[in-house]
Amino acid sequence: MRKLETFRVRIESLAFEGKGIAHINGKVVFVRNAIPGDFVEIILIKNKKDYAEGEVIEVLEPSPNRITPKCKHFGICGGCSFQNLPYTEQINWKHKLVQEALQKIGKLTNIEINPPLPSPLEFSYRNKVEFSFGAKYWLEESEKFEQPTIAVGFHKPERFEKIVDIQNCFLFNNYGSEVLNIIRKEAEEFDLPAYNLRSHLGFLRNLVVRYSFYSNELLINLVTTSQIGEREKEFLDWYSNEFPKLDFVQHILHTINDSFSPTTYGAFKVIKGSGFLFEKLGDLLFRISPFSFFQVNSLQAEVLVNKVMEFAKPSGKVIWDLYSGAGTFTFALAQKSRFVFVIESNVEAVNDAKVNAELNNISNVIFYVKDLHSKGITKDLKGLENPDVVVVDPPRTGLHKNLLKALLEILPHKIVYVSCNPTTLARDLQELGKFYNVEEVQPVDMFPQTYHIETIVDLELI
């Protein structure tokens, strides 16, 4: 087996990142955009000691489950991985992926994992989409020497510097695509430079579009650098004076980010509207500020919250809500519990949560801004009232070793672990399993058309 060599293989199953799995001479080969049952011709793009990676040249014999993707950008854009699978099959494979992670990594072989709860919407379910700007000639090698123009879209898989120029995204509503194309057209007319992640030169960085299913309002946040010349100034004049005339856009912001970080944080100016969206989960109202985290699938988030409540059984108890964000779980828990202690490192998210507490007339929540990954987190947490239940919703990297150590010293009676990554969840459950029984595992599909899956685990102290 050599790099760039071609092979014909049968796809046997799926790996966690949505790649098909085949074998050549006993070595596992991961193939993007191939599904189980496909017979494909591939070219090897990587050949490591323990595995190889291939790209599909041609589907010689399609799987009986293969369908035509709805989006013409599928296979090039990194936003979706499962559009070539019917949604029922996506759910089945996500169930298997969670099972495999917990069994192989977590060594949890004697537990039953519930089938994932499907999303009410398969498309147009996202309340937020974040586009990046790039130079169009980065798309393909054949375009390398073309006159640079602006590309707006998503990063090509595993290539952070390449932006796939897209015209629409079916994971968001039609307004998002309309805004995307309007901004691109104006950026091209003003001949603006995209920010380059390597040289750190350029003006246009990101276009963030957020939507409220509750109020049917749209928020647009254009993120640029402060590298402003005459063309950039004229474009910002258009953005401030002409763009707000669109009647379907209620909130318009401009953020300046001169950091080397690819994140969209920065100092922002409100051009139109309040700069905030409001969303509702059940009977609870949430204010969402431009940079605060909120579950991206608003309709399915209510299902997620209800399942956390079912596992936590918060009636009359003291709850710790760790990685609480703007309070997705906090206030539903507070309505039933004695007290909720909120611990979150993002100041803006905590400020949103405080506003949300007032909006919902909730007074039994105590807020702390703390770094849950700090070396002193054990001491900080031990200074709080002992919890009956701890709810954790960490990032994709899972529980930080310092927080895990703290939890294993405090040993609350119950932990409800909400995870967006089955592999790091499995790793953490292996450690937690020394002191806790896994009572129930419930995957919740928040991200149709992608390989991502949310998983809630009910842990009881042994």
Protein backbone atom coordinates (compact mmCIF):
# COMPACT_ATOMS: atom_id res chain seq x y z
CA MET A 1 0.00 0.00 0.00
CA ARG A 2 1.39 3.35 -1.07
CA LYS A 3 0.06 6.89 -0.91
CA LEU A 4 -1.86 7.84 -4.10
CA GLU A 5 -2.33 4.18 -4.99
CA THR A 6 -5.91 3.25 -5.99
CA PHE A 7 -7.98 0.35 -4.64
CA ARG A 8 -11.49 -1.02 -4.86
CA VAL A 9 -13.05 -1.67 -1.47
CA ARG A 10 -16.37 -2.52 0.18
CA ILE A 11 -17.38 -0.16 2.99
CA GLU A 12 -18.15 -2.27 6.06
CA SER A 13 -19.22 0.21 8.76
CA LEU A 14 -18.87 3.78 10.01
CA ALA A 15 -16.33 5.41 12.32
CA PHE A 16 -17.17 8.17 14.79
CA GLU A 17 -16.34 11.07 12.50
CA GLY A 18 -18.72 9.76 9.85
CA LYS A 19 -16.03 8.11 7.73
CA GLY A 20 -16.64 4.75 6.14
CA ILE A 21 -14.47 1.84 7.27
CA ALA A 22 -12.89 -0.66 4.87
CA HIS A 23 -9.91 -3.01 5.10
CA ILE A 24 -6.98 -3.54 2.71
CA ASN A 25 -4.61 -6.39 3.54
CA GLY A 26 -5.88 -6.33 7.10
CA LYS A 27 -5.26 -2.60 7.59
CA VAL A 28 -8.23 -0.36 8.44
CA VAL A 29 -8.90 2.38 5.89
CA PHE A 30 -11.12 5.40 6.67
CA VAL A 31 -13.01 6.77 3.67
CA ARG A 32 -14.86 10.09 3.82
CA ASN A 33 -18.33 10.33 2.18
CA ALA A 34 -18.68 6.57 1.84
CA ILE A 35 -21.43 4.62 3.63
CA PRO A 36 -21.77 0.97 4.67
CA GLY A 37 -22.56 -1.24 1.68
CA ASP A 38 -20.87 1.00 -0.90
CA PHE A 39 -18.37 -0.63 -3.26
CA VAL A 40 -16.01 2.21 -4.21
CA GLU A 41 -12.78 2.99 -5.95
CA ILE A 42 -10.56 5.05 -3.68
CA ILE A 43 -7.18 6.75 -3.74
CA LEU A 44 -5.03 6.63 -0.61
CA ILE A 45 -4.28 10.10 0.77
CA LYS A 46 -2.65 8.94 4.01
CA ASN A 47 -0.87 5.72 4.93
CA LYS A 48 0.10 5.51 8.60
CA LYS A 49 1.45 2.58 10.56
CA ASP A 50 -1.90 1.56 12.04
CA TYR A 51 -4.40 2.94 9.54
CA ALA A 52 -4.85 4.61 6.16
CA GLU A 53 -7.23 7.19 4.74
CA GLY A 54 -8.77 7.27 1.30
CA GLU A 55 -10.94 9.49 -0.87
CA VAL A 56 -13.67 8.19 -3.16
CA ILE A 57 -12.87 8.40 -6.87
CA GLU A 58 -16.04 6.63 -7.98
CA VAL A 59 -18.96 4.80 -6.39
CA LEU A 60 -18.94 1.56 -8.38
CA GLU A 61 -21.88 -0.03 -6.60
CA PRO A 62 -23.94 2.17 -4.26
CA SER A 63 -25.24 0.91 -0.93
CA PRO A 64 -28.99 0.18 -0.93
CA ASN A 65 -29.19 2.85 1.80
CA ARG A 66 -27.44 5.56 -0.23
CA ILE A 67 -29.59 8.58 -1.13
CA THR A 68 -28.90 11.74 -3.14
CA PRO A 69 -27.75 14.56 -0.84
CA LYS A 70 -30.02 17.59 -0.71
CA CYS A 71 -27.08 20.02 -0.82
CA LYS A 72 -24.80 20.42 -3.85
CA HIS A 73 -21.90 21.30 -1.53
CA PHE A 74 -22.05 17.94 0.28
CA GLY A 75 -18.79 16.04 0.04
CA ILE A 76 -16.70 19.19 -0.29
CA CYS A 77 -18.02 21.31 2.57
CA GLY A 78 -17.28 20.06 6.08
CA GLY A 79 -20.65 21.06 7.55
CA CYS A 80 -22.43 17.74 6.95
CA SER A 81 -21.29 14.14 6.90
CA PHE A 82 -24.51 12.07 6.63
CA GLN A 83 -26.67 13.70 3.94
CA ASN A 84 -26.20 10.59 1.80
CA LEU A 85 -27.98 8.48 4.47
CA PRO A 86 -31.74 8.48 5.25
CA TYR A 87 -32.41 10.02 8.67
CA THR A 88 -33.57 6.73 10.17
CA GLU A 89 -30.22 5.19 9.18
CA GLN A 90 -28.36 8.17 10.63
CA ILE A 91 -30.08 7.51 13.95
CA ASN A 92 -29.21 3.79 13.81
CA TRP A 93 -25.53 4.49 13.14
CA LYS A 94 -25.31 7.14 15.85
CA HIS A 95 -26.71 4.58 18.28
CA LYS A 96 -23.99 2.13 17.24
CA LEU A 97 -21.26 4.79 17.49
CA VAL A 98 -22.23 5.60 21.09
CA GLN A 99 -22.35 1.88 21.92
CA GLU A 100 -18.91 1.25 20.44
CA ALA A 101 -17.33 4.22 22.23
CA LEU A 102 -18.71 3.27 25.65
CA GLN A 103 -17.85 -0.41 25.21
CA LYS A 104 -14.38 -0.13 23.64
CA ILE A 105 -13.08 3.00 25.38
CA GLY A 106 -15.18 3.10 28.53
CA LYS A 107 -15.15 -0.72 29.03
CA LEU A 108 -18.88 -0.50 29.79
CA THR A 109 -20.04 -3.84 28.41
CA ASN A 110 -23.01 -4.55 30.68
CA ILE A 111 -25.15 -1.48 30.13
CA GLU A 112 -28.03 -0.85 27.77
CA ILE A 113 -27.96 2.31 25.67
CA ASN A 114 -31.32 3.73 24.68
CA PRO A 115 -31.95 4.51 20.99
CA PRO A 116 -31.29 8.20 20.21
CA LEU A 117 -34.23 10.58 20.43
CA PRO A 118 -34.62 12.00 16.89
CA SER A 119 -34.75 15.71 16.10
CA PRO A 120 -38.18 17.11 15.12
CA LEU A 121 -36.47 18.81 12.15
CA GLU A 122 -33.97 17.08 9.83
CA PHE A 123 -33.05 20.34 8.07
CA SER A 124 -33.33 24.06 8.95
CA TYR A 125 -32.92 23.17 12.61
CA ARG A 126 -29.91 25.33 13.52
CA ASN A 127 -30.37 28.65 15.32
CA LYS A 128 -26.79 29.69 14.59
CA VAL A 129 -24.40 29.35 11.67
CA GLU A 130 -20.89 30.78 11.49
CA PHE A 131 -19.40 31.38 8.05
CA SER A 132 -15.74 32.17 7.42
CA PHE A 133 -14.20 34.36 4.73
CA GLY A 134 -11.29 33.21 2.62
CA ALA A 135 -9.53 33.74 -0.68
CA LYS A 136 -11.39 31.77 -3.34
CA TYR A 137 -8.17 30.54 -4.93
CA TRP A 138 -7.54 28.34 -1.89
CA LEU A 139 -10.46 26.11 -2.85
CA GLU A 140 -8.73 23.85 -5.34
CA GLU A 141 -5.19 23.53 -6.69
CA SER A 142 -6.49 24.24 -10.21
CA GLU A 143 -7.68 27.67 -9.03
CA LYS A 144 -4.41 28.52 -7.33
CA PHE A 145 -3.30 31.10 -9.88
CA GLU A 146 -6.66 32.73 -10.52
CA GLN A 147 -7.29 36.33 -9.54
CA PRO A 148 -8.23 36.20 -5.83
CA THR A 149 -11.89 36.75 -5.01
CA ILE A 150 -13.82 36.38 -1.79
CA ALA A 151 -15.09 32.98 -0.65
CA VAL A 152 -17.66 32.74 2.16
CA GLY A 153 -18.54 29.39 3.67
CA PHE A 154 -17.09 26.66 5.84
CA HIS A 155 -13.62 25.27 6.36
CA LYS A 156 -12.70 22.32 4.21
CA PRO A 157 -12.38 19.19 6.38
CA GLU A 158 -8.93 18.99 7.99
CA ARG A 159 -7.73 22.10 6.11
CA PHE A 160 -8.21 25.13 8.34
CA GLU A 161 -6.86 27.59 5.77
CA LYS A 162 -9.22 26.51 2.96
CA ILE A 163 -12.74 27.91 2.77
CA VAL A 164 -15.40 26.18 0.67
CA ASP A 165 -17.44 28.89 -1.07
CA ILE A 166 -21.13 28.01 -0.66
CA GLN A 167 -24.40 29.53 -1.86
CA ASN A 168 -26.73 28.01 0.72
CA CYS A 169 -26.81 25.87 3.86
CA PHE A 170 -29.84 23.66 4.44
CA LEU A 171 -29.06 23.27 8.15
CA PHE A 172 -30.15 26.92 8.60
CA ASN A 173 -33.22 28.69 7.23
CA ASN A 174 -33.37 30.40 3.83
CA TYR A 175 -32.70 33.83 5.28
CA GLY A 176 -29.20 32.76 6.28
CA SER A 177 -28.33 31.88 2.68
CA GLU A 178 -29.84 35.14 1.40
CA VAL A 179 -27.72 37.19 3.82
CA LEU A 180 -24.63 35.14 2.91
CA ASN A 181 -25.00 35.90 -0.79
CA ILE A 182 -25.75 39.60 -0.27
CA ILE A 183 -22.62 40.07 1.87
CA ARG A 184 -20.47 38.11 -0.58
CA LYS A 185 -21.69 40.19 -3.54
CA GLU A 186 -20.86 43.47 -1.80
CA ALA A 187 -17.49 42.19 -0.58
CA GLU A 188 -16.60 41.25 -4.17
CA GLU A 189 -17.73 44.62 -5.52
CA PHE A 190 -15.56 46.45 -2.99
CA ASP A 191 -12.71 43.98 -3.73
CA LEU A 192 -12.09 43.36 -0.02
CA PRO A 193 -9.32 41.08 1.28
CA ALA A 194 -10.23 38.10 3.46
CA TYR A 195 -8.27 37.61 6.67
CA ASN A 196 -5.40 35.15 6.24
CA LEU A 197 -4.84 32.85 9.23
CA ARG A 198 -1.17 32.47 8.36
CA SER A 199 -0.10 36.05 7.56
CA HIS A 200 -2.72 37.65 9.86
CA LEU A 201 -3.42 40.21 7.16
CA GLY A 202 -6.82 41.00 5.69
CA PHE A 203 -10.16 42.49 6.69
CA LEU A 204 -13.13 40.07 6.52
CA ARG A 205 -13.11 37.24 9.08
CA ASN A 206 -16.56 35.80 9.88
CA LEU A 207 -20.25 36.21 9.22
CA VAL A 208 -22.36 34.94 12.13
CA VAL A 209 -26.10 34.48 11.61
CA ARG A 210 -28.38 33.67 14.55
CA TYR A 211 -32.13 33.01 14.49
CA SER A 212 -34.82 32.81 17.15
CA PHE A 213 -37.54 30.20 16.64
CA TYR A 214 -39.52 31.96 19.39
CA SER A 215 -39.56 35.52 18.00
CA ASN A 216 -38.77 34.72 14.33
CA GLU A 217 -35.94 37.29 14.42
CA LEU A 218 -32.56 37.27 12.70
CA LEU A 219 -29.26 38.60 14.11
CA ILE A 220 -26.29 39.27 11.83
CA ASN A 221 -22.79 39.80 13.22
CA LEU A 222 -20.01 40.70 10.76
CA VAL A 223 -16.55 40.07 12.23
CA THR A 224 -13.61 41.97 10.75
CA THR A 225 -10.16 43.19 11.72
CA SER A 226 -9.35 46.85 12.25
CA GLN A 227 -7.20 46.86 9.08
CA ILE A 228 -9.38 49.51 7.42
CA GLY A 229 -8.50 51.45 4.27
CA GLU A 230 -10.71 53.44 1.93
CA ARG A 231 -12.44 50.37 0.39
CA GLU A 232 -13.12 48.86 3.81
CA LYS A 233 -14.55 52.17 5.04
CA GLU A 234 -16.91 52.40 2.07
CA PHE A 235 -18.04 48.82 2.63
CA LEU A 236 -18.73 49.52 6.33
CA ASP A 237 -20.73 52.60 5.31
CA TRP A 238 -22.86 50.34 3.09
CA TYR A 239 -23.15 47.75 5.89
CA SER A 240 -24.24 50.43 8.39
CA ASN A 241 -26.62 52.38 6.14
CA GLU A 242 -27.96 50.17 3.33
CA PHE A 243 -27.85 46.63 4.71
CA PRO A 244 -30.18 47.49 7.66
CA LYS A 245 -32.95 48.27 5.15
CA LEU A 246 -33.56 44.52 4.75
CA ASP A 247 -36.86 44.01 6.55
CA PHE A 248 -36.17 40.38 7.51
CA VAL A 249 -33.03 41.30 9.51
CA GLN A 250 -33.91 42.69 12.95
CA HIS A 251 -30.44 42.92 14.57
CA ILE A 252 -27.14 43.91 12.92
CA LEU A 253 -23.74 44.02 14.64
CA HIS A 254 -20.15 44.71 13.66
CA THR A 255 -17.39 43.06 15.70
CA ILE A 256 -13.67 43.86 15.51
CA ASN A 257 -11.33 40.96 16.26
CA ASP A 258 -7.60 41.58 15.86
CA SER A 259 -6.50 38.50 17.79
CA PHE A 260 -4.72 35.58 16.14
CA SER A 261 -7.44 33.28 17.48
CA PRO A 262 -10.02 31.98 14.96
CA THR A 263 -12.85 32.57 17.46
CA THR A 264 -15.47 35.25 16.78
CA TYR A 265 -15.10 37.14 20.05
CA GLY A 266 -14.34 40.87 20.09
CA ALA A 267 -15.64 44.34 20.78
CA PHE A 268 -18.94 44.82 18.96
CA LYS A 269 -21.10 47.74 17.85
CA VAL A 270 -24.89 47.46 17.49
CA ILE A 271 -26.02 48.96 14.17
CA LYS A 272 -29.65 47.87 14.22
CA GLY A 273 -31.90 46.38 16.89
CA SER A 274 -30.97 45.49 20.47
CA GLY A 275 -28.14 43.08 19.69
CA PHE A 276 -29.89 40.31 21.65
CA LEU A 277 -32.20 37.46 20.69
CA PHE A 278 -34.77 35.77 22.90
CA GLU A 279 -35.54 32.06 22.77
CA LYS A 280 -38.01 29.94 24.70
CA LEU A 281 -37.63 26.42 26.06
CA GLY A 282 -40.89 25.22 27.55
CA ASP A 283 -42.18 28.09 29.70
CA LEU A 284 -38.70 29.57 30.21
CA LEU A 285 -37.44 32.64 28.34
CA PHE A 286 -33.73 33.08 27.48
CA ARG A 287 -31.84 36.16 26.38
CA ILE A 288 -28.97 35.25 24.05
CA SER A 289 -26.13 37.75 23.63
CA PRO A 290 -23.94 37.78 20.50
CA PHE A 291 -21.20 35.47 21.80
CA SER A 292 -22.92 33.36 24.45
CA PHE A 293 -23.43 29.64 23.95
CA PHE A 294 -26.93 28.27 23.44
CA GLN A 295 -27.92 24.83 22.18
CA VAL A 296 -27.98 25.18 18.38
CA ASN A 297 -31.10 23.05 17.88
CA SER A 298 -33.74 25.06 19.76
CA LEU A 299 -36.63 22.64 19.22
CA GLN A 300 -34.63 19.60 20.31
CA ALA A 301 -33.06 21.49 23.24
CA GLU A 302 -36.38 21.22 25.07
CA VAL A 303 -36.20 17.42 24.75
CA LEU A 304 -32.64 17.53 26.10
CA VAL A 305 -33.67 19.64 29.11
CA ASN A 306 -36.62 17.37 29.92
CA LYS A 307 -34.37 14.29 29.91
CA VAL A 308 -31.82 16.00 32.20
CA MET A 309 -34.68 16.83 34.57
CA GLU A 310 -35.86 13.22 34.49
CA PHE A 311 -32.38 11.97 35.42
CA ALA A 312 -31.61 14.68 38.01
CA LYS A 313 -34.88 14.34 39.97
CA PRO A 314 -34.18 17.80 41.45
CA SER A 315 -37.17 18.16 43.77
CA GLY A 316 -36.00 19.84 47.00
CA LYS A 317 -32.30 19.18 46.27
CA VAL A 318 -29.12 21.26 46.05
CA ILE A 319 -27.83 21.23 42.46
CA TRP A 320 -24.50 22.24 40.96
CA ASP A 321 -24.75 23.20 37.29
CA LEU A 322 -21.22 23.14 35.84
CA TYR A 323 -20.44 24.59 32.40
CA SER A 324 -23.87 26.18 32.67
CA GLY A 325 -23.65 28.69 29.78
CA ALA A 326 -26.66 31.01 29.69
CA GLY A 327 -28.65 28.56 31.82
CA THR A 328 -30.07 25.96 29.43
CA PHE A 329 -30.58 23.50 32.32
CA THR A 330 -30.24 25.94 35.23
CA PHE A 331 -33.71 27.41 35.40
CA ALA A 332 -35.67 24.23 34.75
CA LEU A 333 -33.67 22.69 37.62
CA ALA A 334 -34.23 25.77 39.79
CA GLN A 335 -38.01 25.54 39.41
CA LYS A 336 -37.94 22.19 41.22
CA SER A 337 -34.84 22.30 43.45
CA ARG A 338 -33.91 24.07 46.70
CA PHE A 339 -30.86 25.85 45.27
CA VAL A 340 -28.82 25.77 42.08
CA PHE A 341 -25.17 26.79 42.17
CA VAL A 342 -24.05 27.91 38.71
CA ILE A 343 -20.33 27.64 37.93
CA GLU A 344 -19.20 28.96 34.54
CA SER A 345 -15.98 30.59 33.30
CA ASN A 346 -17.56 32.75 30.57
CA VAL A 347 -18.46 36.11 32.14
CA GLU A 348 -20.82 37.06 29.30
CA ALA A 349 -22.70 33.77 29.62
CA VAL A 350 -23.09 34.31 33.38
CA ASN A 351 -24.36 37.85 32.78
CA ASP A 352 -26.91 36.41 30.35
CA ALA A 353 -27.88 33.80 32.93
CA LYS A 354 -28.47 36.49 35.56
CA VAL A 355 -30.73 38.35 33.14
CA ASN A 356 -32.54 35.10 32.38
CA ALA A 357 -33.10 34.49 36.09
CA GLU A 358 -34.83 37.89 36.35
CA LEU A 359 -36.84 37.28 33.17
CA ASN A 360 -38.22 34.08 34.67
CA ASN A 361 -38.63 35.35 38.27
CA ILE A 362 -36.18 32.78 39.60
CA SER A 363 -34.32 33.71 42.79
CA ASN A 364 -32.84 30.41 44.04
CA VAL A 365 -29.79 30.43 41.76
CA ILE A 366 -26.32 31.49 42.96
CA PHE A 367 -23.83 32.46 40.26
CA TYR A 368 -20.06 31.96 40.29
CA VAL A 369 -17.57 32.87 37.57
CA LYS A 370 -14.80 30.30 37.98
CA ASP A 371 -12.36 28.43 35.77
CA LEU A 372 -13.44 24.82 36.16
CA HIS A 373 -10.04 23.70 34.82
CA SER A 374 -7.91 25.56 37.36
CA LYS A 375 -5.64 23.73 39.81
CA GLY A 376 -7.57 25.27 42.70
CA ILE A 377 -11.02 24.14 41.56
CA THR A 378 -11.26 21.42 44.23
CA LYS A 379 -10.79 23.98 47.01
CA ASP A 380 -13.23 26.39 45.33
CA LEU A 381 -15.95 23.76 44.98
CA LYS A 382 -15.49 22.45 48.52
CA GLY A 383 -16.30 25.97 49.71
CA LEU A 384 -19.84 25.62 48.36
CA GLU A 385 -22.76 23.80 49.96
CA ASN A 386 -22.45 20.08 49.21
CA PRO A 387 -24.57 19.06 46.23
CA ASP A 388 -27.11 16.29 45.99
CA VAL A 389 -26.81 16.36 42.18
CA VAL A 390 -24.12 17.69 39.86
CA VAL A 391 -25.03 18.41 36.22
CA VAL A 392 -22.02 18.72 33.91
CA ASP A 393 -22.11 19.76 30.25
CA PRO A 394 -18.43 20.06 29.25
CA PRO A 395 -16.98 20.97 25.83
CA ARG A 396 -15.97 18.30 23.30
CA THR A 397 -12.72 17.67 25.17
CA GLY A 398 -14.71 16.30 28.11
CA LEU A 399 -14.06 16.84 31.81
CA HIS A 400 -10.72 18.49 32.56
CA LYS A 401 -8.51 16.34 34.79
CA ASN A 402 -8.65 18.96 37.58
CA LEU A 403 -12.44 19.01 37.62
CA LEU A 404 -12.65 15.21 37.41
CA LYS A 405 -10.30 14.99 40.40
CA ALA A 406 -12.50 17.45 42.31
CA LEU A 407 -15.69 15.49 41.61
CA LEU A 408 -14.07 12.25 42.74
CA GLU A 409 -13.10 13.90 46.04
CA ILE A 410 -16.51 15.49 46.62
CA LEU A 411 -18.48 12.40 45.43
CA PRO A 412 -22.00 13.82 45.01
CA HIS A 413 -24.78 11.27 45.25
CA LYS A 414 -25.73 11.74 41.58
CA ILE A 415 -24.01 13.11 38.47
CA VAL A 416 -25.89 13.85 35.26
CA TYR A 417 -23.30 14.03 32.49
CA VAL A 418 -24.33 15.74 29.23
CA SER A 419 -21.77 15.07 26.49
CA CYS A 420 -21.37 16.13 22.86
CA ASN A 421 -18.51 13.67 22.25
CA PRO A 422 -18.98 9.92 22.92
CA THR A 423 -15.22 9.24 22.93
CA THR A 424 -14.32 11.71 25.70
CA LEU A 425 -17.51 10.72 27.53
CA ALA A 426 -16.35 7.09 27.46
CA ARG A 427 -12.91 8.08 28.76
CA ASP A 428 -14.44 10.01 31.68
CA LEU A 429 -16.95 7.25 32.49
CA GLN A 430 -14.07 4.82 32.89
CA GLU A 431 -12.78 6.97 35.76
CA LEU A 432 -16.19 7.85 37.20
CA GLY A 433 -17.15 4.17 36.99
CA LYS A 434 -14.79 3.41 39.90
CA PHE A 435 -17.28 5.17 42.20
CA TYR A 436 -20.52 5.37 40.22
CA ASN A 437 -22.98 3.03 38.56
CA VAL A 438 -24.28 3.95 35.12
CA GLU A 439 -28.04 3.88 35.59
CA GLU A 440 -29.15 4.97 32.12
CA VAL A 441 -27.68 6.30 28.87
CA GLN A 442 -29.83 8.39 26.55
CA PRO A 443 -28.45 9.76 23.25
CA VAL A 444 -30.30 12.81 21.89
CA ASP A 445 -29.79 13.80 18.26
CA MET A 446 -29.21 17.54 18.22
CA PHE A 447 -27.32 17.53 14.90
CA PRO A 448 -29.07 15.76 11.98
CA GLN A 449 -26.99 15.28 8.79
CA THR A 450 -23.77 15.23 10.87
CA TYR A 451 -21.98 12.55 12.88
CA HIS A 452 -22.39 14.53 16.12
CA ILE A 453 -24.60 13.14 18.87
CA GLU A 454 -25.45 14.41 22.35
CA THR A 455 -25.52 11.80 25.13
CA ILE A 456 -26.94 12.09 28.66
CA VAL A 457 -25.74 9.66 31.34
CA ASP A 458 -27.34 9.12 34.75
CA LEU A 459 -24.66 8.21 37.32
CA GLU A 460 -25.45 7.08 40.88
CA LEU A 461 -22.88 6.77 43.68
CA ILE A 462 -22.14 3.13 44.46
